[in-house]
Amino acid sequence: MATTKDYKNFILEQLSSLENITCKSMMGEYLLYYNKTLYGGIYDNGLLVTIVNSNKKYNMQESIPYESAKTMYFVDDVNNQEILKKIVINTYKDLSTKK
């Protein structure tokens, strides 16, 4: 099942307190970038982020977005903008230090 545009728009609205969030369409799903760094995506109307050390503290469930993909974390509390912001920033920081 592909992600609906309404759900994509909802997630982008929830992330609107962060500047430099971009979203790219990919085969019915969406890749999410923060400051040009890929940190997650919207798959089957669900928000997933890359697993990094700093976001393990949020106790998110692991999920596989599509066959043969790496395991990611499923963000279940997408209504909490403050937590979402922290998850994105922490994920970005870990990913940007790996570059």
N, C-alpha and C. Protein backbone atom coordinates (compact mmCIF):
# COMPACT_ATOMS: atom_id res chain seq x y z
N MET A 1 0.85 -1.18 0.00
CA MET A 1 0.00 0.00 0.00
C MET A 1 0.89 1.24 0.00
N ALA A 2 0.67 2.13 -0.90
CA ALA A 2 1.44 3.37 -0.98
C ALA A 2 0.93 4.38 0.05
N THR A 3 1.80 5.27 0.41
CA THR A 3 1.45 6.33 1.36
C THR A 3 0.55 7.35 0.68
N THR A 4 -0.46 7.81 1.39
CA THR A 4 -1.36 8.83 0.85
C THR A 4 -0.71 10.21 0.95
N LYS A 5 -1.09 11.08 0.06
CA LYS A 5 -0.58 12.46 0.11
C LYS A 5 -1.05 13.16 1.38
N ASP A 6 -2.25 12.83 1.85
CA ASP A 6 -2.75 13.43 3.09
C ASP A 6 -1.85 13.07 4.27
N TYR A 7 -1.42 11.81 4.34
CA TYR A 7 -0.54 11.40 5.45
C TYR A 7 0.82 12.07 5.33
N LYS A 8 1.35 12.12 4.10
CA LYS A 8 2.63 12.81 3.88
C LYS A 8 2.53 14.26 4.33
N ASN A 9 1.45 14.94 3.94
CA ASN A 9 1.27 16.34 4.33
C ASN A 9 1.13 16.49 5.84
N PHE A 10 0.46 15.54 6.48
CA PHE A 10 0.33 15.55 7.94
C PHE A 10 1.70 15.45 8.61
N ILE A 11 2.52 14.52 8.17
CA ILE A 11 3.86 14.36 8.74
C ILE A 11 4.70 15.62 8.51
N LEU A 12 4.65 16.18 7.32
CA LEU A 12 5.40 17.41 7.06
C LEU A 12 4.91 18.56 7.93
N GLU A 13 3.63 18.62 8.19
CA GLU A 13 3.09 19.64 9.10
C GLU A 13 3.62 19.43 10.52
N GLN A 14 3.65 18.17 10.95
CA GLN A 14 4.16 17.85 12.28
C GLN A 14 5.64 18.23 12.41
N LEU A 15 6.37 18.20 11.32
CA LEU A 15 7.81 18.54 11.32
C LEU A 15 8.08 19.99 10.96
N SER A 16 7.04 20.79 10.84
CA SER A 16 7.19 22.16 10.33
C SER A 16 8.00 23.08 11.24
N SER A 17 8.21 22.69 12.50
CA SER A 17 9.02 23.54 13.38
C SER A 17 10.52 23.42 13.05
N LEU A 18 10.87 22.45 12.22
CA LEU A 18 12.25 22.28 11.79
C LEU A 18 12.43 22.92 10.41
N GLU A 19 13.46 23.72 10.28
CA GLU A 19 13.77 24.27 8.96
C GLU A 19 14.58 23.23 8.19
N ASN A 20 14.60 23.35 6.89
CA ASN A 20 15.41 22.50 6.03
C ASN A 20 14.97 21.04 5.98
N ILE A 21 13.68 20.77 6.19
CA ILE A 21 13.13 19.44 5.97
C ILE A 21 12.70 19.38 4.50
N THR A 22 13.15 18.35 3.81
CA THR A 22 12.72 18.15 2.43
C THR A 22 12.20 16.73 2.29
N CYS A 23 11.36 16.55 1.30
CA CYS A 23 10.68 15.28 1.08
C CYS A 23 10.75 14.97 -0.41
N LYS A 24 11.18 13.75 -0.73
CA LYS A 24 11.26 13.34 -2.14
C LYS A 24 10.44 12.07 -2.33
N SER A 25 9.65 12.07 -3.39
CA SER A 25 8.82 10.92 -3.71
C SER A 25 9.68 9.79 -4.27
N MET A 26 9.35 8.55 -3.84
CA MET A 26 10.07 7.38 -4.34
C MET A 26 9.10 6.20 -4.42
N MET A 27 8.64 5.87 -5.61
CA MET A 27 7.79 4.72 -5.85
C MET A 27 6.59 4.64 -4.90
N GLY A 28 5.88 5.73 -4.75
CA GLY A 28 4.68 5.76 -3.91
C GLY A 28 4.94 6.02 -2.44
N GLU A 29 6.20 6.14 -2.07
CA GLU A 29 6.58 6.43 -0.69
C GLU A 29 7.40 7.72 -0.70
N TYR A 30 7.91 8.14 0.46
CA TYR A 30 8.60 9.42 0.54
C TYR A 30 9.86 9.31 1.39
N LEU A 31 10.96 9.85 0.87
CA LEU A 31 12.21 9.94 1.62
C LEU A 31 12.26 11.29 2.31
N LEU A 32 12.73 11.31 3.54
CA LEU A 32 12.80 12.55 4.33
C LEU A 32 14.25 12.93 4.60
N TYR A 33 14.54 14.21 4.38
CA TYR A 33 15.88 14.76 4.58
C TYR A 33 15.82 15.92 5.55
N TYR A 34 16.86 16.04 6.35
CA TYR A 34 17.03 17.20 7.22
C TYR A 34 18.42 17.74 6.94
N ASN A 35 18.50 19.00 6.53
CA ASN A 35 19.78 19.61 6.13
C ASN A 35 20.50 18.74 5.11
N LYS A 36 19.75 18.26 4.13
CA LYS A 36 20.24 17.45 3.01
C LYS A 36 20.75 16.06 3.41
N THR A 37 20.47 15.63 4.63
CA THR A 37 20.87 14.30 5.09
C THR A 37 19.62 13.42 5.20
N LEU A 38 19.65 12.29 4.52
CA LEU A 38 18.54 11.34 4.58
C LEU A 38 18.48 10.73 5.97
N TYR A 39 17.36 10.93 6.65
CA TYR A 39 17.24 10.40 8.02
C TYR A 39 16.07 9.43 8.17
N GLY A 40 15.17 9.37 7.19
CA GLY A 40 14.03 8.48 7.33
C GLY A 40 13.11 8.56 6.13
N GLY A 41 11.91 8.05 6.34
CA GLY A 41 10.95 8.07 5.26
C GLY A 41 9.55 7.78 5.75
N ILE A 42 8.61 7.97 4.84
CA ILE A 42 7.22 7.66 5.11
C ILE A 42 6.87 6.47 4.22
N TYR A 43 6.56 5.35 4.86
CA TYR A 43 6.27 4.11 4.15
C TYR A 43 4.93 3.56 4.63
N ASP A 44 4.04 3.26 3.70
CA ASP A 44 2.73 2.69 4.05
C ASP A 44 2.04 3.46 5.18
N ASN A 45 2.03 4.77 5.04
CA ASN A 45 1.40 5.67 6.03
C ASN A 45 2.00 5.49 7.42
N GLY A 46 3.29 5.34 7.47
CA GLY A 46 4.00 5.27 8.74
C GLY A 46 5.33 5.99 8.63
N LEU A 47 5.77 6.62 9.71
CA LEU A 47 7.03 7.34 9.74
C LEU A 47 8.12 6.43 10.30
N LEU A 48 9.20 6.28 9.55
CA LEU A 48 10.34 5.47 9.98
C LEU A 48 11.60 6.32 9.93
N VAL A 49 12.51 6.07 10.88
CA VAL A 49 13.79 6.78 10.92
C VAL A 49 14.92 5.77 11.00
N THR A 50 16.08 6.19 10.53
CA THR A 50 17.28 5.37 10.58
C THR A 50 17.64 5.07 12.03
N ILE A 51 18.07 3.84 12.28
CA ILE A 51 18.50 3.47 13.62
C ILE A 51 19.92 3.99 13.86
N VAL A 52 20.06 4.82 14.89
CA VAL A 52 21.36 5.33 15.33
C VAL A 52 21.39 5.28 16.85
N ASN A 53 22.56 5.40 17.43
CA ASN A 53 22.69 5.29 18.89
C ASN A 53 21.82 6.28 19.65
N SER A 54 21.76 7.52 19.17
CA SER A 54 21.06 8.55 19.94
C SER A 54 19.53 8.42 19.92
N ASN A 55 18.97 7.65 19.00
CA ASN A 55 17.51 7.53 19.03
C ASN A 55 17.04 6.21 19.65
N LYS A 56 17.96 5.40 20.13
CA LYS A 56 17.57 4.16 20.81
C LYS A 56 16.83 4.44 22.12
N LYS A 57 17.09 5.58 22.72
CA LYS A 57 16.46 5.92 24.01
C LYS A 57 14.96 6.13 23.91
N TYR A 58 14.42 6.27 22.70
CA TYR A 58 12.99 6.50 22.53
C TYR A 58 12.19 5.19 22.50
N ASN A 59 12.89 4.06 22.60
CA ASN A 59 12.24 2.74 22.65
C ASN A 59 11.23 2.52 21.53
N MET A 60 11.63 2.82 20.31
CA MET A 60 10.74 2.63 19.17
C MET A 60 10.84 1.20 18.67
N GLN A 61 9.78 0.73 18.04
CA GLN A 61 9.76 -0.61 17.46
C GLN A 61 10.57 -0.64 16.18
N GLU A 62 11.23 -1.75 15.93
CA GLU A 62 11.93 -1.92 14.66
C GLU A 62 10.94 -2.32 13.58
N SER A 63 11.21 -1.86 12.36
CA SER A 63 10.33 -2.15 11.23
C SER A 63 11.17 -2.18 9.95
N ILE A 64 10.74 -2.97 9.00
CA ILE A 64 11.40 -3.02 7.70
C ILE A 64 10.46 -2.35 6.69
N PRO A 65 10.90 -1.26 6.07
CA PRO A 65 9.99 -0.49 5.21
C PRO A 65 9.58 -1.21 3.92
N TYR A 66 10.45 -2.06 3.40
CA TYR A 66 10.16 -2.81 2.18
C TYR A 66 11.14 -3.97 2.11
N GLU A 67 10.84 -4.94 1.30
CA GLU A 67 11.67 -6.14 1.18
C GLU A 67 13.11 -5.78 0.83
N SER A 68 14.04 -6.37 1.51
CA SER A 68 15.50 -6.22 1.34
C SER A 68 16.04 -4.88 1.89
N ALA A 69 15.22 -4.12 2.57
CA ALA A 69 15.66 -2.85 3.17
C ALA A 69 16.26 -3.11 4.55
N LYS A 70 17.08 -2.16 5.00
CA LYS A 70 17.60 -2.21 6.36
C LYS A 70 16.47 -1.93 7.35
N THR A 71 16.61 -2.50 8.53
CA THR A 71 15.65 -2.26 9.59
C THR A 71 15.73 -0.80 10.04
N MET A 72 14.57 -0.22 10.32
CA MET A 72 14.47 1.16 10.77
C MET A 72 13.60 1.19 12.03
N TYR A 73 13.52 2.36 12.65
CA TYR A 73 12.62 2.54 13.78
C TYR A 73 11.30 3.13 13.31
N PHE A 74 10.20 2.57 13.80
CA PHE A 74 8.86 3.08 13.53
C PHE A 74 8.49 4.09 14.61
N VAL A 75 8.16 5.31 14.19
CA VAL A 75 7.77 6.37 15.12
C VAL A 75 6.25 6.29 15.30
N ASP A 76 5.83 5.83 16.48
CA ASP A 76 4.39 5.65 16.67
C ASP A 76 3.68 6.89 17.20
N ASP A 77 4.39 7.78 17.86
CA ASP A 77 3.75 8.97 18.42
C ASP A 77 4.00 10.18 17.51
N VAL A 78 3.38 10.15 16.34
CA VAL A 78 3.59 11.24 15.38
C VAL A 78 2.80 12.50 15.74
N ASN A 79 1.96 12.43 16.76
CA ASN A 79 1.20 13.60 17.19
C ASN A 79 1.99 14.50 18.13
N ASN A 80 3.09 14.00 18.67
CA ASN A 80 3.91 14.77 19.61
C ASN A 80 5.04 15.47 18.85
N GLN A 81 4.81 16.74 18.50
CA GLN A 81 5.78 17.48 17.69
C GLN A 81 7.13 17.65 18.37
N GLU A 82 7.15 17.81 19.68
CA GLU A 82 8.41 17.99 20.39
C GLU A 82 9.27 16.74 20.33
N ILE A 83 8.66 15.58 20.54
CA ILE A 83 9.40 14.32 20.45
C ILE A 83 9.88 14.09 19.02
N LEU A 84 9.01 14.35 18.05
CA LEU A 84 9.41 14.20 16.64
C LEU A 84 10.64 15.05 16.33
N LYS A 85 10.60 16.28 16.78
CA LYS A 85 11.72 17.20 16.53
C LYS A 85 13.00 16.64 17.14
N LYS A 86 12.93 16.15 18.37
CA LYS A 86 14.12 15.60 19.03
C LYS A 86 14.64 14.36 18.31
N ILE A 87 13.72 13.50 17.87
CA ILE A 87 14.13 12.29 17.16
C ILE A 87 14.86 12.65 15.88
N VAL A 88 14.31 13.58 15.11
CA VAL A 88 14.93 13.99 13.85
C VAL A 88 16.31 14.61 14.09
N ILE A 89 16.39 15.52 15.04
CA ILE A 89 17.67 16.20 15.32
C ILE A 89 18.71 15.20 15.81
N ASN A 90 18.33 14.31 16.73
CA ASN A 90 19.29 13.32 17.22
C ASN A 90 19.74 12.37 16.12
N THR A 91 18.82 11.93 15.29
CA THR A 91 19.16 11.04 14.18
C THR A 91 20.11 11.75 13.22
N TYR A 92 19.77 12.98 12.88
CA TYR A 92 20.61 13.78 11.98
C TYR A 92 22.03 13.95 12.54
N LYS A 93 22.13 14.28 13.80
CA LYS A 93 23.45 14.49 14.41
C LYS A 93 24.31 13.24 14.31
N ASP A 94 23.74 12.09 14.63
CA ASP A 94 24.50 10.84 14.52
C ASP A 94 24.89 10.54 13.08
N LEU A 95 23.98 10.75 12.16
CA LEU A 95 24.26 10.48 10.76
C LEU A 95 25.31 11.44 10.19
N SER A 96 25.24 12.69 10.58
CA SER A 96 26.18 13.68 10.03
C SER A 96 27.59 13.50 10.58
N THR A 97 27.74 12.91 11.77
CA THR A 97 29.08 12.66 12.30
C THR A 97 29.71 11.43 11.65
N LYS A 98 28.89 10.57 11.02
CA LYS A 98 29.42 9.40 10.32
C LYS A 98 29.98 9.73 8.96
N LYS A 99 29.61 10.89 8.42
CA LYS A 99 30.06 11.27 7.06
C LYS A 99 31.54 11.59 7.05
